[in-house]
Structure formats: structure tokens, C-alpha cells
Amino acid sequence: MPKYQDTPSRGMKTRDAAKYLGVSVNTLQKLIKLGHVPPPVKFPGLDRNFHDRFALDAAMSSLAAWGG
């Protein structure tokens, strides 16, 4: 069995979300503050935030449509 899946998980830790977008964690945090990328979501009852892969894809598609 391969160590990593071909498709990333739908919910990602911040470090994984940054890697998925090809930026550093600091850059991801800046993009969130600027409103270019949605903030992570928190599932009720869990003490952890997750970045939604589909939301990240939509944000990147939107930025690409505007030419970066």
C-alpha cells in the first residue's frame, strides 16, 4: 500500500494546505488575511482547524481568472 494517497484529503492541516497551494505557511496566512483564500473551518467537538481542499481550489481558480 502506498504511503501517500494520490488525492489529498478534503480537510487539510495548515501545513498541508500551504504545500497543496505551493506556498509557505506564512504566505497562506497572509492570503487568508487579505481575503484571497478562505480561512480554515472548525468541526464541532474537535480541537483542530481544517482547510477545505475544494474551497482552496475555488480560491485558486478565482485568482487565476483575475490574472493572479
PDB file of N, CA and C in Angstrom:
ATOM      1  N   MET A   1       0.847  -1.178   0.000  1.00  0.00           N
ATOM      2  CA  MET A   1       0.000   0.000   0.000  1.00  0.00           C
ATOM      3  C   MET A   1       0.892   1.241   0.000  1.00  0.00           C
ATOM      4  N   PRO A   2       0.598   2.237  -0.859  1.00  0.00           N
ATOM      5  CA  PRO A   2       1.435   3.436  -0.906  1.00  0.00           C
ATOM      6  C   PRO A   2       1.332   4.239   0.389  1.00  0.00           C
ATOM      7  N   LYS A   3       2.390   4.936   0.705  1.00  0.00           N
ATOM      8  CA  LYS A   3       2.424   5.731   1.926  1.00  0.00           C
ATOM      9  C   LYS A   3       1.486   6.933   1.826  1.00  0.00           C
ATOM     10  N   TYR A   4       1.386   7.546   0.650  1.00  0.00           N
ATOM     11  CA  TYR A   4       0.547   8.727   0.454  1.00  0.00           C
ATOM     12  C   TYR A   4      -0.505   8.447  -0.605  1.00  0.00           C
ATOM     13  N   GLN A   5      -1.639   9.070  -0.444  1.00  0.00           N
ATOM     14  CA  GLN A   5      -2.704   8.959  -1.432  1.00  0.00           C
ATOM     15  C   GLN A   5      -2.372   9.841  -2.620  1.00  0.00           C
ATOM     16  N   ASP A   6      -2.918   9.497  -3.794  1.00  0.00           N
ATOM     17  CA  ASP A   6      -2.739  10.348  -4.963  1.00  0.00           C
ATOM     18  C   ASP A   6      -3.517  11.655  -4.812  1.00  0.00           C
ATOM     19  N   THR A   7      -4.683  11.587  -4.192  1.00  0.00           N
ATOM     20  CA  THR A   7      -5.522  12.763  -3.990  1.00  0.00           C
ATOM     21  C   THR A   7      -5.414  13.204  -2.540  1.00  0.00           C
ATOM     22  N   PRO A   8      -5.129  14.500  -2.308  1.00  0.00           N
ATOM     23  CA  PRO A   8      -5.049  14.973  -0.919  1.00  0.00           C
ATOM     24  C   PRO A   8      -6.397  14.843  -0.218  1.00  0.00           C
ATOM     25  N   SER A   9      -6.366  14.794   1.085  1.00  0.00           N
ATOM     26  CA  SER A   9      -7.587  14.743   1.875  1.00  0.00           C
ATOM     27  C   SER A   9      -8.411  16.001   1.644  1.00  0.00           C
ATOM     28  N   ARG A  10      -9.710  15.893   1.818  1.00  0.00           N
ATOM     29  CA  ARG A  10     -10.590  17.054   1.671  1.00  0.00           C
ATOM     30  C   ARG A  10     -10.285  18.084   2.752  1.00  0.00           C
ATOM     31  N   GLY A  11     -10.069  17.632   3.984  1.00  0.00           N
ATOM     32  CA  GLY A  11      -9.707  18.524   5.077  1.00  0.00           C
ATOM     33  C   GLY A  11      -8.226  18.417   5.356  1.00  0.00           C
ATOM     34  N   MET A  12      -7.533  19.547   5.289  1.00  0.00           N
ATOM     35  CA  MET A  12      -6.079  19.534   5.440  1.00  0.00           C
ATOM     36  C   MET A  12      -5.622  20.417   6.595  1.00  0.00           C
ATOM     37  N   LYS A  13      -4.544  20.005   7.233  1.00  0.00           N
ATOM     38  CA  LYS A  13      -3.883  20.857   8.211  1.00  0.00           C
ATOM     39  C   LYS A  13      -3.294  22.054   7.468  1.00  0.00           C
ATOM     40  N   THR A  14      -2.992  23.112   8.208  1.00  0.00           N
ATOM     41  CA  THR A  14      -2.458  24.333   7.591  1.00  0.00           C
ATOM     42  C   THR A  14      -1.187  24.057   6.805  1.00  0.00           C
ATOM     43  N   ARG A  15      -0.297  23.274   7.362  1.00  0.00           N
ATOM     44  CA  ARG A  15       0.964  22.955   6.682  1.00  0.00           C
ATOM     45  C   ARG A  15       0.705  22.243   5.354  1.00  0.00           C
ATOM     46  N   ASP A  16      -0.247  21.312   5.359  1.00  0.00           N
ATOM     47  CA  ASP A  16      -0.575  20.571   4.148  1.00  0.00           C
ATOM     48  C   ASP A  16      -1.294  21.454   3.126  1.00  0.00           C
ATOM     49  N   ALA A  17      -2.132  22.358   3.619  1.00  0.00           N
ATOM     50  CA  ALA A  17      -2.838  23.276   2.716  1.00  0.00           C
ATOM     51  C   ALA A  17      -1.838  24.202   2.020  1.00  0.00           C
ATOM     52  N   ALA A  18      -0.866  24.688   2.766  1.00  0.00           N
ATOM     53  CA  ALA A  18       0.161  25.544   2.174  1.00  0.00           C
ATOM     54  C   ALA A  18       0.945  24.779   1.110  1.00  0.00           C
ATOM     55  N   LYS A  19       1.321  23.574   1.433  1.00  0.00           N
ATOM     56  CA  LYS A  19       2.052  22.747   0.470  1.00  0.00           C
ATOM     57  C   LYS A  19       1.205  22.487  -0.771  1.00  0.00           C
ATOM     58  N   TYR A  20      -0.086  22.220  -0.574  1.00  0.00           N
ATOM     59  CA  TYR A  20      -1.010  21.972  -1.682  1.00  0.00           C
ATOM     60  C   TYR A  20      -1.059  23.169  -2.630  1.00  0.00           C
ATOM     61  N   LEU A  21      -1.036  24.386  -2.056  1.00  0.00           N
ATOM     62  CA  LEU A  21      -1.075  25.598  -2.873  1.00  0.00           C
ATOM     63  C   LEU A  21       0.299  25.994  -3.400  1.00  0.00           C
ATOM     64  N   GLY A  22       1.349  25.386  -2.870  1.00  0.00           N
ATOM     65  CA  GLY A  22       2.702  25.702  -3.317  1.00  0.00           C
ATOM     66  C   GLY A  22       3.258  26.964  -2.692  1.00  0.00           C
ATOM     67  N   VAL A  23       2.813  27.269  -1.475  1.00  0.00           N
ATOM     68  CA  VAL A  23       3.290  28.461  -0.765  1.00  0.00           C
ATOM     69  C   VAL A  23       3.722  28.065   0.639  1.00  0.00           C
ATOM     70  N   SER A  24       4.357  28.995   1.343  1.00  0.00           N
ATOM     71  CA  SER A  24       4.736  28.748   2.731  1.00  0.00           C
ATOM     72  C   SER A  24       3.521  28.948   3.631  1.00  0.00           C
ATOM     73  N   VAL A  25       3.633  28.486   4.865  1.00  0.00           N
ATOM     74  CA  VAL A  25       2.556  28.681   5.832  1.00  0.00           C
ATOM     75  C   VAL A  25       2.333  30.174   6.057  1.00  0.00           C
ATOM     76  N   ASN A  26       3.413  30.941   6.147  1.00  0.00           N
ATOM     77  CA  ASN A  26       3.273  32.392   6.334  1.00  0.00           C
ATOM     78  C   ASN A  26       2.531  33.032   5.172  1.00  0.00           C
ATOM     79  N   THR A  27       2.836  32.613   3.950  1.00  0.00           N
ATOM     80  CA  THR A  27       2.149  33.168   2.786  1.00  0.00           C
ATOM     81  C   THR A  27       0.680  32.773   2.793  1.00  0.00           C
ATOM     82  N   LEU A  28       0.378  31.556   3.156  1.00  0.00           N
ATOM     83  CA  LEU A  28      -1.014  31.131   3.257  1.00  0.00           C
ATOM     84  C   LEU A  28      -1.752  31.994   4.268  1.00  0.00           C
ATOM     85  N   GLN A  29      -1.152  32.254   5.413  1.00  0.00           N
ATOM     86  CA  GLN A  29      -1.782  33.088   6.425  1.00  0.00           C
ATOM     87  C   GLN A  29      -2.008  34.507   5.914  1.00  0.00           C
ATOM     88  N   LYS A  30      -1.082  35.030   5.138  1.00  0.00           N
ATOM     89  CA  LYS A  30      -1.258  36.363   4.540  1.00  0.00           C
ATOM     90  C   LYS A  30      -2.406  36.362   3.533  1.00  0.00           C
ATOM     91  N   LEU A  31      -2.473  35.308   2.715  1.00  0.00           N
ATOM     92  CA  LEU A  31      -3.557  35.211   1.739  1.00  0.00           C
ATOM     93  C   LEU A  31      -4.918  35.142   2.425  1.00  0.00           C
ATOM     94  N   ILE A  32      -4.971  34.471   3.565  1.00  0.00           N
ATOM     95  CA  ILE A  32      -6.217  34.401   4.339  1.00  0.00           C
ATOM     96  C   ILE A  32      -6.572  35.790   4.872  1.00  0.00           C
ATOM     97  N   LYS A  33      -5.590  36.490   5.443  1.00  0.00           N
ATOM     98  CA  LYS A  33      -5.832  37.834   5.985  1.00  0.00           C
ATOM     99  C   LYS A  33      -6.289  38.806   4.898  1.00  0.00           C
ATOM    100  N   LEU A  34      -5.757  38.648   3.688  1.00  0.00           N
ATOM    101  CA  LEU A  34      -6.136  39.524   2.575  1.00  0.00           C
ATOM    102  C   LEU A  34      -7.488  39.140   1.971  1.00  0.00           C
ATOM    103  N   GLY A  35      -8.010  37.994   2.366  1.00  0.00           N
ATOM    104  CA  GLY A  35      -9.300  37.557   1.859  1.00  0.00           C
ATOM    105  C   GLY A  35      -9.228  36.831   0.529  1.00  0.00           C
ATOM    106  N   HIS A  36      -8.029  36.453   0.094  1.00  0.00           N
ATOM    107  CA  HIS A  36      -7.862  35.744  -1.172  1.00  0.00           C
ATOM    108  C   HIS A  36      -8.114  34.242  -1.035  1.00  0.00           C
ATOM    109  N   VAL A  37      -7.929  33.740   0.175  1.00  0.00           N
ATOM    110  CA  VAL A  37      -8.116  32.313   0.462  1.00  0.00           C
ATOM    111  C   VAL A  37      -9.009  32.228   1.700  1.00  0.00           C
ATOM    112  N   PRO A  38      -9.986  31.326   1.696  1.00  0.00           N
ATOM    113  CA  PRO A  38     -10.865  31.220   2.869  1.00  0.00           C
ATOM    114  C   PRO A  38     -10.125  30.679   4.098  1.00  0.00           C
ATOM    115  N   PRO A  39     -10.553  31.114   5.266  1.00  0.00           N
ATOM    116  CA  PRO A  39      -9.925  30.600   6.491  1.00  0.00           C
ATOM    117  C   PRO A  39     -10.309  29.146   6.724  1.00  0.00           C
ATOM    118  N   PRO A  40      -9.585  28.487   7.603  1.00  0.00           N
ATOM    119  CA  PRO A  40      -9.925  27.094   7.909  1.00  0.00           C
ATOM    120  C   PRO A  40     -11.260  27.015   8.645  1.00  0.00           C
ATOM    121  N   VAL A  41     -11.837  25.833   8.626  1.00  0.00           N
ATOM    122  CA  VAL A  41     -13.090  25.588   9.333  1.00  0.00           C
ATOM    123  C   VAL A  41     -12.808  24.713  10.548  1.00  0.00           C
ATOM    124  N   LYS A  42     -13.659  24.828  11.546  1.00  0.00           N
ATOM    125  CA  LYS A  42     -13.505  24.028  12.752  1.00  0.00           C
ATOM    126  C   LYS A  42     -14.725  23.139  12.893  1.00  0.00           C
ATOM    127  N   PHE A  43     -14.480  21.848  12.971  1.00  0.00           N
ATOM    128  CA  PHE A  43     -15.566  20.907  13.171  1.00  0.00           C
ATOM    129  C   PHE A  43     -15.994  20.937  14.637  1.00  0.00           C
ATOM    130  N   PRO A  44     -17.301  20.941  14.891  1.00  0.00           N
ATOM    131  CA  PRO A  44     -17.770  20.928  16.281  1.00  0.00           C
ATOM    132  C   PRO A  44     -17.227  19.715  17.035  1.00  0.00           C
ATOM    133  N   GLY A  45     -16.767  19.970  18.232  1.00  0.00           N
ATOM    134  CA  GLY A  45     -16.279  18.888  19.074  1.00  0.00           C
ATOM    135  C   GLY A  45     -14.823  18.525  18.858  1.00  0.00           C
ATOM    136  N   LEU A  46     -14.194  19.077  17.843  1.00  0.00           N
ATOM    137  CA  LEU A  46     -12.777  18.794  17.590  1.00  0.00           C
ATOM    138  C   LEU A  46     -11.964  20.046  17.866  1.00  0.00           C
ATOM    139  N   ASP A  47     -10.804  19.868  18.427  1.00  0.00           N
ATOM    140  CA  ASP A  47      -9.938  20.998  18.750  1.00  0.00           C
ATOM    141  C   ASP A  47      -8.901  21.176  17.641  1.00  0.00           C
ATOM    142  N   ARG A  48      -9.405  21.292  16.405  1.00  0.00           N
ATOM    143  CA  ARG A  48      -8.497  21.402  15.258  1.00  0.00           C
ATOM    144  C   ARG A  48      -9.186  22.116  14.118  1.00  0.00           C
ATOM    145  N   ASN A  49      -8.429  22.877  13.367  1.00  0.00           N
ATOM    146  CA  ASN A  49      -8.954  23.547  12.180  1.00  0.00           C
ATOM    147  C   ASN A  49      -8.536  22.763  10.938  1.00  0.00           C
ATOM    148  N   PHE A  50      -9.393  22.801   9.939  1.00  0.00           N
ATOM    149  CA  PHE A  50      -9.131  22.129   8.673  1.00  0.00           C
ATOM    150  C   PHE A  50      -9.345  23.094   7.520  1.00  0.00           C
ATOM    151  N   HIS A  51      -8.480  23.024   6.529  1.00  0.00           N
ATOM    152  CA  HIS A  51      -8.672  23.782   5.292  1.00  0.00           C
ATOM    153  C   HIS A  51      -9.376  22.866   4.301  1.00  0.00           C
ATOM    154  N   ASP A  52     -10.434  23.367   3.712  1.00  0.00           N
ATOM    155  CA  ASP A  52     -11.220  22.592   2.759  1.00  0.00           C
ATOM    156  C   ASP A  52     -10.551  22.644   1.385  1.00  0.00           C
ATOM    157  N   ARG A  53     -10.168  21.491   0.877  1.00  0.00           N
ATOM    158  CA  ARG A  53      -9.477  21.423  -0.414  1.00  0.00           C
ATOM    159  C   ARG A  53     -10.313  22.037  -1.528  1.00  0.00           C
ATOM    160  N   PHE A  54     -11.632  21.806  -1.518  1.00  0.00           N
ATOM    161  CA  PHE A  54     -12.488  22.358  -2.563  1.00  0.00           C
ATOM    162  C   PHE A  54     -12.523  23.885  -2.492  1.00  0.00           C
ATOM    163  N   ALA A  55     -12.517  24.435  -1.270  1.00  0.00           N
ATOM    164  CA  ALA A  55     -12.504  25.890  -1.106  1.00  0.00           C
ATOM    165  C   ALA A  55     -11.166  26.472  -1.580  1.00  0.00           C
ATOM    166  N   LEU A  56     -10.082  25.750  -1.319  1.00  0.00           N
ATOM    167  CA  LEU A  56      -8.775  26.203  -1.797  1.00  0.00           C
ATOM    168  C   LEU A  56      -8.725  26.186  -3.320  1.00  0.00           C
ATOM    169  N   ASP A  57      -9.281  25.130  -3.924  1.00  0.00           N
ATOM    170  CA  ASP A  57      -9.330  25.045  -5.390  1.00  0.00           C
ATOM    171  C   ASP A  57     -10.144  26.199  -5.971  1.00  0.00           C
ATOM    172  N   ALA A  58     -11.285  26.507  -5.364  1.00  0.00           N
ATOM    173  CA  ALA A  58     -12.136  27.600  -5.839  1.00  0.00           C
ATOM    174  C   ALA A  58     -11.410  28.946  -5.724  1.00  0.00           C
ATOM    175  N   ALA A  59     -10.692  29.133  -4.625  1.00  0.00           N
ATOM    176  CA  ALA A  59      -9.949  30.390  -4.444  1.00  0.00           C
ATOM    177  C   ALA A  59      -8.867  30.532  -5.500  1.00  0.00           C
ATOM    178  N   MET A  60      -8.157  29.442  -5.780  1.00  0.00           N
ATOM    179  CA  MET A  60      -7.106  29.496  -6.800  1.00  0.00           C
ATOM    180  C   MET A  60      -7.695  29.741  -8.183  1.00  0.00           C
ATOM    181  N   SER A  61      -8.831  29.126  -8.474  1.00  0.00           N
ATOM    182  CA  SER A  61      -9.496  29.337  -9.774  1.00  0.00           C
ATOM    183  C   SER A  61      -9.925  30.793  -9.903  1.00  0.00           C
ATOM    184  N   SER A  62     -10.424  31.359  -8.833  1.00  0.00           N
ATOM    185  CA  SER A  62     -10.848  32.762  -8.848  1.00  0.00           C
ATOM    186  C   SER A  62      -9.655  33.689  -9.076  1.00  0.00           C
ATOM    187  N   LEU A  63      -8.548  33.420  -8.394  1.00  0.00           N
ATOM    188  CA  LEU A  63      -7.348  34.244  -8.576  1.00  0.00           C
ATOM    189  C   LEU A  63      -6.816  34.109  -9.991  1.00  0.00           C
ATOM    190  N   ALA A  64      -6.849  32.906 -10.530  1.00  0.00           N
ATOM    191  CA  ALA A  64      -6.357  32.676 -11.892  1.00  0.00           C
ATOM    192  C   ALA A  64      -7.213  33.415 -12.908  1.00  0.00           C
ATOM    193  N   ALA A  65      -8.519  33.496 -12.645  1.00  0.00           N
ATOM    194  CA  ALA A  65      -9.413  34.205 -13.563  1.00  0.00           C
ATOM    195  C   ALA A  65      -9.111  35.690 -13.607  1.00  0.00           C
ATOM    196  N   TRP A  66      -8.588  36.221 -12.507  1.00  0.00           N
ATOM    197  CA  TRP A  66      -8.232  37.637 -12.445  1.00  0.00           C
ATOM    198  C   TRP A  66      -6.782  37.881 -12.878  1.00  0.00           C
ATOM    199  N   GLY A  67      -6.116  36.846 -13.249  1.00  0.00           N
ATOM    200  CA  GLY A  67      -4.738  37.003 -13.720  1.00  0.00           C
ATOM    201  C   GLY A  67      -3.724  37.065 -12.606  1.00  0.00           C
ATOM    202  N   GLY A  68      -4.068  36.522 -11.454  1.00  0.00           N
ATOM    203  CA  GLY A  68      -3.114  36.437 -10.358  1.00  0.00           C
ATOM    204  C   GLY A  68      -3.257  37.510  -9.389  1.00  0.00           C
TER     205      GLY A  68
END
